[in-house]
Amino acid sequence: MKVIVFVTPKKNVLDPQGAAVGHALTSLGFKNLKDVRIGKTIEIEVDGETGPDFSASMDKFCHELLSNPVIEDYRWELAE
């Protein structure tokens, strides 16, 4: 199965990359732009079954390795 992890800057953390992309989109004529946030996506292929232990392990890996919990939020989902 495939797990997709999404890591994004926390809402209260400055995102200079997002600001730069937002400025560029506005200068290219994108008029309805409200906000841009830049993050990362991590795809992980795993064997086994899902369940409480699997979910706890994924949360631990995301919290301790794949994100910086001081400045980033994460969420993960199973891909079809």
PDB file of N, CA and C in Angstrom:
ATOM      1  N   MET A   1       0.844  -1.172   0.000  1.00  0.00           N
ATOM      2  CA  MET A   1       0.000   0.000   0.000  1.00  0.00           C
ATOM      3  C   MET A   1       0.886   1.232   0.000  1.00  0.00           C
ATOM      4  N   LYS A   2       0.318   2.334  -0.432  1.00  0.00           N
ATOM      5  CA  LYS A   2       1.060   3.584  -0.495  1.00  0.00           C
ATOM      6  C   LYS A   2       0.504   4.559   0.532  1.00  0.00           C
ATOM      7  N   VAL A   3       1.420   5.186   1.279  1.00  0.00           N
ATOM      8  CA  VAL A   3       1.073   6.233   2.230  1.00  0.00           C
ATOM      9  C   VAL A   3       1.614   7.542   1.669  1.00  0.00           C
ATOM     10  N   ILE A   4       0.787   8.564   1.658  1.00  0.00           N
ATOM     11  CA  ILE A   4       1.226   9.887   1.211  1.00  0.00           C
ATOM     12  C   ILE A   4       1.209  10.813   2.417  1.00  0.00           C
ATOM     13  N   VAL A   5       2.356  11.438   2.676  1.00  0.00           N
ATOM     14  CA  VAL A   5       2.513  12.358   3.794  1.00  0.00           C
ATOM     15  C   VAL A   5       2.615  13.773   3.237  1.00  0.00           C
ATOM     16  N   PHE A   6       1.808  14.680   3.760  1.00  0.00           N
ATOM     17  CA  PHE A   6       1.821  16.084   3.361  1.00  0.00           C
ATOM     18  C   PHE A   6       2.380  16.901   4.522  1.00  0.00           C
ATOM     19  N   VAL A   7       3.442  17.649   4.269  1.00  0.00           N
ATOM     20  CA  VAL A   7       4.067  18.489   5.291  1.00  0.00           C
ATOM     21  C   VAL A   7       3.973  19.938   4.818  1.00  0.00           C
ATOM     22  N   THR A   8       3.424  20.805   5.664  1.00  0.00           N
ATOM     23  CA  THR A   8       3.249  22.214   5.305  1.00  0.00           C
ATOM     24  C   THR A   8       3.672  23.107   6.469  1.00  0.00           C
ATOM     25  N   PRO A   9       4.059  24.346   6.160  1.00  0.00           N
ATOM     26  CA  PRO A   9       4.383  25.265   7.253  1.00  0.00           C
ATOM     27  C   PRO A   9       3.135  25.531   8.095  1.00  0.00           C
ATOM     28  N   LYS A  10       3.326  25.687   9.406  1.00  0.00           N
ATOM     29  CA  LYS A  10       2.196  26.041  10.262  1.00  0.00           C
ATOM     30  C   LYS A  10       1.638  27.391   9.822  1.00  0.00           C
ATOM     31  N   LYS A  11       0.366  27.609  10.071  1.00  0.00           N
ATOM     32  CA  LYS A  11      -0.303  28.827   9.625  1.00  0.00           C
ATOM     33  C   LYS A  11       0.371  30.102  10.146  1.00  0.00           C
ATOM     34  N   ASN A  12       0.936  30.063  11.354  1.00  0.00           N
ATOM     35  CA  ASN A  12       1.527  31.262  11.936  1.00  0.00           C
ATOM     36  C   ASN A  12       3.017  31.411  11.616  1.00  0.00           C
ATOM     37  N   VAL A  13       3.568  30.539  10.750  1.00  0.00           N
ATOM     38  CA  VAL A  13       4.978  30.592  10.377  1.00  0.00           C
ATOM     39  C   VAL A  13       5.107  31.260   9.011  1.00  0.00           C
ATOM     40  N   LEU A  14       6.026  32.214   8.907  1.00  0.00           N
ATOM     41  CA  LEU A  14       6.285  32.894   7.645  1.00  0.00           C
ATOM     42  C   LEU A  14       6.726  31.884   6.590  1.00  0.00           C
ATOM     43  N   ASP A  15       6.192  31.999   5.390  1.00  0.00           N
ATOM     44  CA  ASP A  15       6.526  31.106   4.285  1.00  0.00           C
ATOM     45  C   ASP A  15       7.063  31.950   3.123  1.00  0.00           C
ATOM     46  N   PRO A  16       8.370  32.243   3.104  1.00  0.00           N
ATOM     47  CA  PRO A  16       8.909  33.103   2.058  1.00  0.00           C
ATOM     48  C   PRO A  16       8.772  32.518   0.650  1.00  0.00           C
ATOM     49  N   GLN A  17       8.870  31.193   0.517  1.00  0.00           N
ATOM     50  CA  GLN A  17       8.676  30.574  -0.798  1.00  0.00           C
ATOM     51  C   GLN A  17       7.246  30.791  -1.282  1.00  0.00           C
ATOM     52  N   GLY A  18       6.293  30.578  -0.400  1.00  0.00           N
ATOM     53  CA  GLY A  18       4.896  30.792  -0.753  1.00  0.00           C
ATOM     54  C   GLY A  18       4.631  32.239  -1.129  1.00  0.00           C
ATOM     55  N   ALA A  19       5.228  33.169  -0.391  1.00  0.00           N
ATOM     56  CA  ALA A  19       5.058  34.594  -0.695  1.00  0.00           C
ATOM     57  C   ALA A  19       5.633  34.927  -2.063  1.00  0.00           C
ATOM     58  N   ALA A  20       6.809  34.375  -2.391  1.00  0.00           N
ATOM     59  CA  ALA A  20       7.424  34.632  -3.691  1.00  0.00           C
ATOM     60  C   ALA A  20       6.566  34.075  -4.832  1.00  0.00           C
ATOM     61  N   VAL A  21       6.054  32.871  -4.670  1.00  0.00           N
ATOM     62  CA  VAL A  21       5.196  32.279  -5.697  1.00  0.00           C
ATOM     63  C   VAL A  21       3.900  33.075  -5.818  1.00  0.00           C
ATOM     64  N   GLY A  22       3.341  33.499  -4.686  1.00  0.00           N
ATOM     65  CA  GLY A  22       2.133  34.324  -4.716  1.00  0.00           C
ATOM     66  C   GLY A  22       2.356  35.624  -5.461  1.00  0.00           C
ATOM     67  N   HIS A  23       3.493  36.263  -5.218  1.00  0.00           N
ATOM     68  CA  HIS A  23       3.815  37.513  -5.914  1.00  0.00           C
ATOM     69  C   HIS A  23       3.950  37.264  -7.417  1.00  0.00           C
ATOM     70  N   ALA A  24       4.632  36.168  -7.789  1.00  0.00           N
ATOM     71  CA  ALA A  24       4.811  35.845  -9.205  1.00  0.00           C
ATOM     72  C   ALA A  24       3.468  35.557  -9.875  1.00  0.00           C
ATOM     73  N   LEU A  25       2.597  34.820  -9.214  1.00  0.00           N
ATOM     74  CA  LEU A  25       1.279  34.532  -9.790  1.00  0.00           C
ATOM     75  C   LEU A  25       0.471  35.818  -9.986  1.00  0.00           C
ATOM     76  N   THR A  26       0.541  36.716  -9.004  1.00  0.00           N
ATOM     77  CA  THR A  26      -0.168  37.992  -9.120  1.00  0.00           C
ATOM     78  C   THR A  26       0.375  38.795 -10.298  1.00  0.00           C
ATOM     79  N   SER A  27       1.699  38.822 -10.458  1.00  0.00           N
ATOM     80  CA  SER A  27       2.287  39.582 -11.560  1.00  0.00           C
ATOM     81  C   SER A  27       1.976  38.956 -12.914  1.00  0.00           C
ATOM     82  N   LEU A  28       1.631  37.663 -12.920  1.00  0.00           N
ATOM     83  CA  LEU A  28       1.248  36.994 -14.175  1.00  0.00           C
ATOM     84  C   LEU A  28      -0.248  37.118 -14.460  1.00  0.00           C
ATOM     85  N   GLY A  29      -0.974  37.813 -13.598  1.00  0.00           N
ATOM     86  CA  GLY A  29      -2.376  38.079 -13.865  1.00  0.00           C
ATOM     87  C   GLY A  29      -3.369  37.272 -13.067  1.00  0.00           C
ATOM     88  N   PHE A  30      -2.926  36.482 -12.107  1.00  0.00           N
ATOM     89  CA  PHE A  30      -3.844  35.719 -11.266  1.00  0.00           C
ATOM     90  C   PHE A  30      -4.449  36.677 -10.260  1.00  0.00           C
ATOM     91  N   LYS A  31      -5.683  37.088 -10.480  1.00  0.00           N
ATOM     92  CA  LYS A  31      -6.288  38.172  -9.711  1.00  0.00           C
ATOM     93  C   LYS A  31      -6.963  37.737  -8.411  1.00  0.00           C
ATOM     94  N   ASN A  32      -7.432  36.522  -8.312  1.00  0.00           N
ATOM     95  CA  ASN A  32      -8.196  36.091  -7.143  1.00  0.00           C
ATOM     96  C   ASN A  32      -7.353  35.360  -6.104  1.00  0.00           C
ATOM     97  N   LEU A  33      -6.064  35.558  -6.139  1.00  0.00           N
ATOM     98  CA  LEU A  33      -5.161  34.862  -5.240  1.00  0.00           C
ATOM     99  C   LEU A  33      -5.322  35.364  -3.805  1.00  0.00           C
ATOM    100  N   LYS A  34      -5.511  34.436  -2.886  1.00  0.00           N
ATOM    101  CA  LYS A  34      -5.651  34.793  -1.482  1.00  0.00           C
ATOM    102  C   LYS A  34      -4.373  34.484  -0.709  1.00  0.00           C
ATOM    103  N   ASP A  35      -3.801  33.283  -0.871  1.00  0.00           N
ATOM    104  CA  ASP A  35      -2.603  32.897  -0.144  1.00  0.00           C
ATOM    105  C   ASP A  35      -1.954  31.717  -0.854  1.00  0.00           C
ATOM    106  N   VAL A  36      -0.649  31.599  -0.722  1.00  0.00           N
ATOM    107  CA  VAL A  36       0.094  30.462  -1.266  1.00  0.00           C
ATOM    108  C   VAL A  36       1.002  29.944  -0.162  1.00  0.00           C
ATOM    109  N   ARG A  37       0.967  28.641   0.065  1.00  0.00           N
ATOM    110  CA  ARG A  37       1.852  27.987   1.028  1.00  0.00           C
ATOM    111  C   ARG A  37       2.575  26.864   0.290  1.00  0.00           C
ATOM    112  N   ILE A  38       3.872  26.766   0.473  1.00  0.00           N
ATOM    113  CA  ILE A  38       4.674  25.735  -0.171  1.00  0.00           C
ATOM    114  C   ILE A  38       5.016  24.670   0.866  1.00  0.00           C
ATOM    115  N   GLY A  39       4.811  23.417   0.512  1.00  0.00           N
ATOM    116  CA  GLY A  39       5.122  22.309   1.402  1.00  0.00           C
ATOM    117  C   GLY A  39       5.815  21.196   0.643  1.00  0.00           C
ATOM    118  N   LYS A  40       5.769  20.008   1.203  1.00  0.00           N
ATOM    119  CA  LYS A  40       6.370  18.852   0.536  1.00  0.00           C
ATOM    120  C   LYS A  40       5.455  17.648   0.673  1.00  0.00           C
ATOM    121  N   THR A  41       5.583  16.749  -0.279  1.00  0.00           N
ATOM    122  CA  THR A  41       4.815  15.506  -0.298  1.00  0.00           C
ATOM    123  C   THR A  41       5.807  14.349  -0.290  1.00  0.00           C
ATOM    124  N   ILE A  42       5.553  13.373   0.548  1.00  0.00           N
ATOM    125  CA  ILE A  42       6.418  12.206   0.655  1.00  0.00           C
ATOM    126  C   ILE A  42       5.554  10.970   0.418  1.00  0.00           C
ATOM    127  N   GLU A  43       5.952  10.131  -0.537  1.00  0.00           N
ATOM    128  CA  GLU A  43       5.231   8.892  -0.826  1.00  0.00           C
ATOM    129  C   GLU A  43       6.026   7.720  -0.273  1.00  0.00           C
ATOM    130  N   ILE A  44       5.352   6.853   0.470  1.00  0.00           N
ATOM    131  CA  ILE A  44       6.003   5.705   1.109  1.00  0.00           C
ATOM    132  C   ILE A  44       5.233   4.442   0.745  1.00  0.00           C
ATOM    133  N   GLU A  45       5.927   3.451   0.219  1.00  0.00           N
ATOM    134  CA  GLU A  45       5.326   2.138  -0.055  1.00  0.00           C
ATOM    135  C   GLU A  45       5.583   1.244   1.145  1.00  0.00           C
ATOM    136  N   VAL A  46       4.533   0.629   1.673  1.00  0.00           N
ATOM    137  CA  VAL A  46       4.665  -0.241   2.842  1.00  0.00           C
ATOM    138  C   VAL A  46       3.902  -1.547   2.616  1.00  0.00           C
ATOM    139  N   ASP A  47       4.331  -2.588   3.320  1.00  0.00           N
ATOM    140  CA  ASP A  47       3.615  -3.861   3.356  1.00  0.00           C
ATOM    141  C   ASP A  47       2.888  -3.948   4.681  1.00  0.00           C
ATOM    142  N   GLY A  48       1.843  -4.716   4.714  1.00  0.00           N
ATOM    143  CA  GLY A  48       1.155  -4.943   5.973  1.00  0.00           C
ATOM    144  C   GLY A  48      -0.250  -4.392   5.981  1.00  0.00           C
ATOM    145  N   GLU A  49      -0.847  -4.484   7.142  1.00  0.00           N
ATOM    146  CA  GLU A  49      -2.234  -4.067   7.331  1.00  0.00           C
ATOM    147  C   GLU A  49      -2.294  -2.760   8.102  1.00  0.00           C
ATOM    148  N   THR A  50      -3.371  -2.015   7.874  1.00  0.00           N
ATOM    149  CA  THR A  50      -3.587  -0.802   8.641  1.00  0.00           C
ATOM    150  C   THR A  50      -4.292  -1.152   9.952  1.00  0.00           C
ATOM    151  N   GLY A  51      -4.184  -0.277  10.892  1.00  0.00           N
ATOM    152  CA  GLY A  51      -4.809  -0.481  12.194  1.00  0.00           C
ATOM    153  C   GLY A  51      -4.243   0.521  13.179  1.00  0.00           C
ATOM    154  N   PRO A  52      -4.612   0.385  14.444  1.00  0.00           N
ATOM    155  CA  PRO A  52      -4.129   1.352  15.447  1.00  0.00           C
ATOM    156  C   PRO A  52      -2.602   1.396  15.566  1.00  0.00           C
ATOM    157  N   ASP A  53      -1.952   0.243  15.512  1.00  0.00           N
ATOM    158  CA  ASP A  53      -0.484   0.233  15.610  1.00  0.00           C
ATOM    159  C   ASP A  53       0.154   0.906  14.409  1.00  0.00           C
ATOM    160  N   PHE A  54      -0.388   0.658  13.228  1.00  0.00           N
ATOM    161  CA  PHE A  54       0.129   1.278  12.009  1.00  0.00           C
ATOM    162  C   PHE A  54      -0.041   2.795  12.081  1.00  0.00           C
ATOM    163  N   SER A  55      -1.206   3.241  12.485  1.00  0.00           N
ATOM    164  CA  SER A  55      -1.468   4.682  12.588  1.00  0.00           C
ATOM    165  C   SER A  55      -0.538   5.340  13.599  1.00  0.00           C
ATOM    166  N   ALA A  56      -0.328   4.698  14.736  1.00  0.00           N
ATOM    167  CA  ALA A  56       0.573   5.244  15.753  1.00  0.00           C
ATOM    168  C   ALA A  56       2.003   5.325  15.221  1.00  0.00           C
ATOM    169  N   SER A  57       2.430   4.306  14.492  1.00  0.00           N
ATOM    170  CA  SER A  57       3.779   4.319  13.909  1.00  0.00           C
ATOM    171  C   SER A  57       3.928   5.432  12.890  1.00  0.00           C
ATOM    172  N   MET A  58       2.949   5.593  12.020  1.00  0.00           N
ATOM    173  CA  MET A  58       3.016   6.658  11.013  1.00  0.00           C
ATOM    174  C   MET A  58       3.073   8.027  11.676  1.00  0.00           C
ATOM    175  N   ASP A  59       2.247   8.245  12.694  1.00  0.00           N
ATOM    176  CA  ASP A  59       2.277   9.527  13.404  1.00  0.00           C
ATOM    177  C   ASP A  59       3.640   9.772  14.043  1.00  0.00           C
ATOM    178  N   LYS A  60       4.224   8.740  14.610  1.00  0.00           N
ATOM    179  CA  LYS A  60       5.546   8.884  15.227  1.00  0.00           C
ATOM    180  C   LYS A  60       6.594   9.227  14.174  1.00  0.00           C
ATOM    181  N   PHE A  61       6.603   8.509  13.046  1.00  0.00           N
ATOM    182  CA  PHE A  61       7.579   8.777  11.987  1.00  0.00           C
ATOM    183  C   PHE A  61       7.429  10.192  11.442  1.00  0.00           C
ATOM    184  N   CYS A  62       6.188  10.609  11.226  1.00  0.00           N
ATOM    185  CA  CYS A  62       5.936  11.956  10.698  1.00  0.00           C
ATOM    186  C   CYS A  62       6.381  13.021  11.691  1.00  0.00           C
ATOM    187  N   HIS A  63       6.050  12.822  12.951  1.00  0.00           N
ATOM    188  CA  HIS A  63       6.370  13.807  13.982  1.00  0.00           C
ATOM    189  C   HIS A  63       7.871  13.895  14.255  1.00  0.00           C
ATOM    190  N   GLU A  64       8.542  12.748  14.294  1.00  0.00           N
ATOM    191  CA  GLU A  64       9.947  12.723  14.702  1.00  0.00           C
ATOM    192  C   GLU A  64      10.941  12.823  13.551  1.00  0.00           C
ATOM    193  N   LEU A  65      10.526  12.475  12.328  1.00  0.00           N
ATOM    194  CA  LEU A  65      11.492  12.429  11.232  1.00  0.00           C
ATOM    195  C   LEU A  65      11.088  13.271  10.024  1.00  0.00           C
ATOM    196  N   LEU A  66       9.861  13.129   9.580  1.00  0.00           N
ATOM    197  CA  LEU A  66       9.473  13.732   8.306  1.00  0.00           C
ATOM    198  C   LEU A  66       9.071  15.194   8.397  1.00  0.00           C
ATOM    199  N   SER A  67       8.788  15.682   9.593  1.00  0.00           N
ATOM    200  CA  SER A  67       8.419  17.092   9.748  1.00  0.00           C
ATOM    201  C   SER A  67       9.184  17.694  10.927  1.00  0.00           C
ATOM    202  N   ASN A  68       9.214  19.000  10.939  1.00  0.00           N
ATOM    203  CA  ASN A  68       9.747  19.731  12.079  1.00  0.00           C
ATOM    204  C   ASN A  68       8.539  20.258  12.847  1.00  0.00           C
ATOM    205  N   PRO A  69       8.156  19.615  13.950  1.00  0.00           N
ATOM    206  CA  PRO A  69       6.903  19.966  14.621  1.00  0.00           C
ATOM    207  C   PRO A  69       6.865  21.386  15.187  1.00  0.00           C
ATOM    208  N   VAL A  70       8.002  22.046  15.269  1.00  0.00           N
ATOM    209  CA  VAL A  70       8.019  23.424  15.749  1.00  0.00           C
ATOM    210  C   VAL A  70       7.417  24.367  14.700  1.00  0.00           C
ATOM    211  N   ILE A  71       7.713  24.102  13.421  1.00  0.00           N
ATOM    212  CA  ILE A  71       7.274  25.033  12.368  1.00  0.00           C
ATOM    213  C   ILE A  71       6.406  24.399  11.287  1.00  0.00           C
ATOM    214  N   GLU A  72       6.199  23.070  11.354  1.00  0.00           N
ATOM    215  CA  GLU A  72       5.442  22.393  10.299  1.00  0.00           C
ATOM    216  C   GLU A  72       4.310  21.549  10.871  1.00  0.00           C
ATOM    217  N   ASP A  73       3.249  21.447  10.082  1.00  0.00           N
ATOM    218  CA  ASP A  73       2.163  20.512  10.340  1.00  0.00           C
ATOM    219  C   ASP A  73       2.279  19.369   9.331  1.00  0.00           C
ATOM    220  N   TYR A  74       1.703  18.250   9.668  1.00  0.00           N
ATOM    221  CA  TYR A  74       1.679  17.132   8.723  1.00  0.00           C
ATOM    222  C   TYR A  74       0.319  16.448   8.799  1.00  0.00           C
ATOM    223  N   ARG A  75       0.038  15.731   7.735  1.00  0.00           N
ATOM    224  CA  ARG A  75      -1.094  14.807   7.715  1.00  0.00           C
ATOM    225  C   ARG A  75      -0.696  13.698   6.738  1.00  0.00           C
ATOM    226  N   TRP A  76      -1.250  12.542   6.929  1.00  0.00           N
ATOM    227  CA  TRP A  76      -0.961  11.447   6.021  1.00  0.00           C
ATOM    228  C   TRP A  76      -2.259  10.748   5.666  1.00  0.00           C
ATOM    229  N   GLU A  77      -2.220  10.107   4.500  1.00  0.00           N
ATOM    230  CA  GLU A  77      -3.390   9.348   4.052  1.00  0.00           C
ATOM    231  C   GLU A  77      -2.931   8.149   3.240  1.00  0.00           C
ATOM    232  N   LEU A  78      -3.797   7.164   3.176  1.00  0.00           N
ATOM    233  CA  LEU A  78      -3.540   5.988   2.353  1.00  0.00           C
ATOM    234  C   LEU A  78      -4.012   6.268   0.941  1.00  0.00           C
ATOM    235  N   ALA A  79      -3.168   5.960  -0.032  1.00  0.00           N
ATOM    236  CA  ALA A  79      -3.530   6.150  -1.440  1.00  0.00           C
ATOM    237  C   ALA A  79      -4.306   4.928  -1.917  1.00  0.00           C
ATOM    238  N   GLU A  80      -5.160   5.135  -2.862  1.00  0.00           N
ATOM    239  CA  GLU A  80      -5.958   4.038  -3.444  1.00  0.00           C
ATOM    240  C   GLU A  80      -5.093   3.165  -4.314  1.00  0.00           C
TER     241      GLU A  80
END
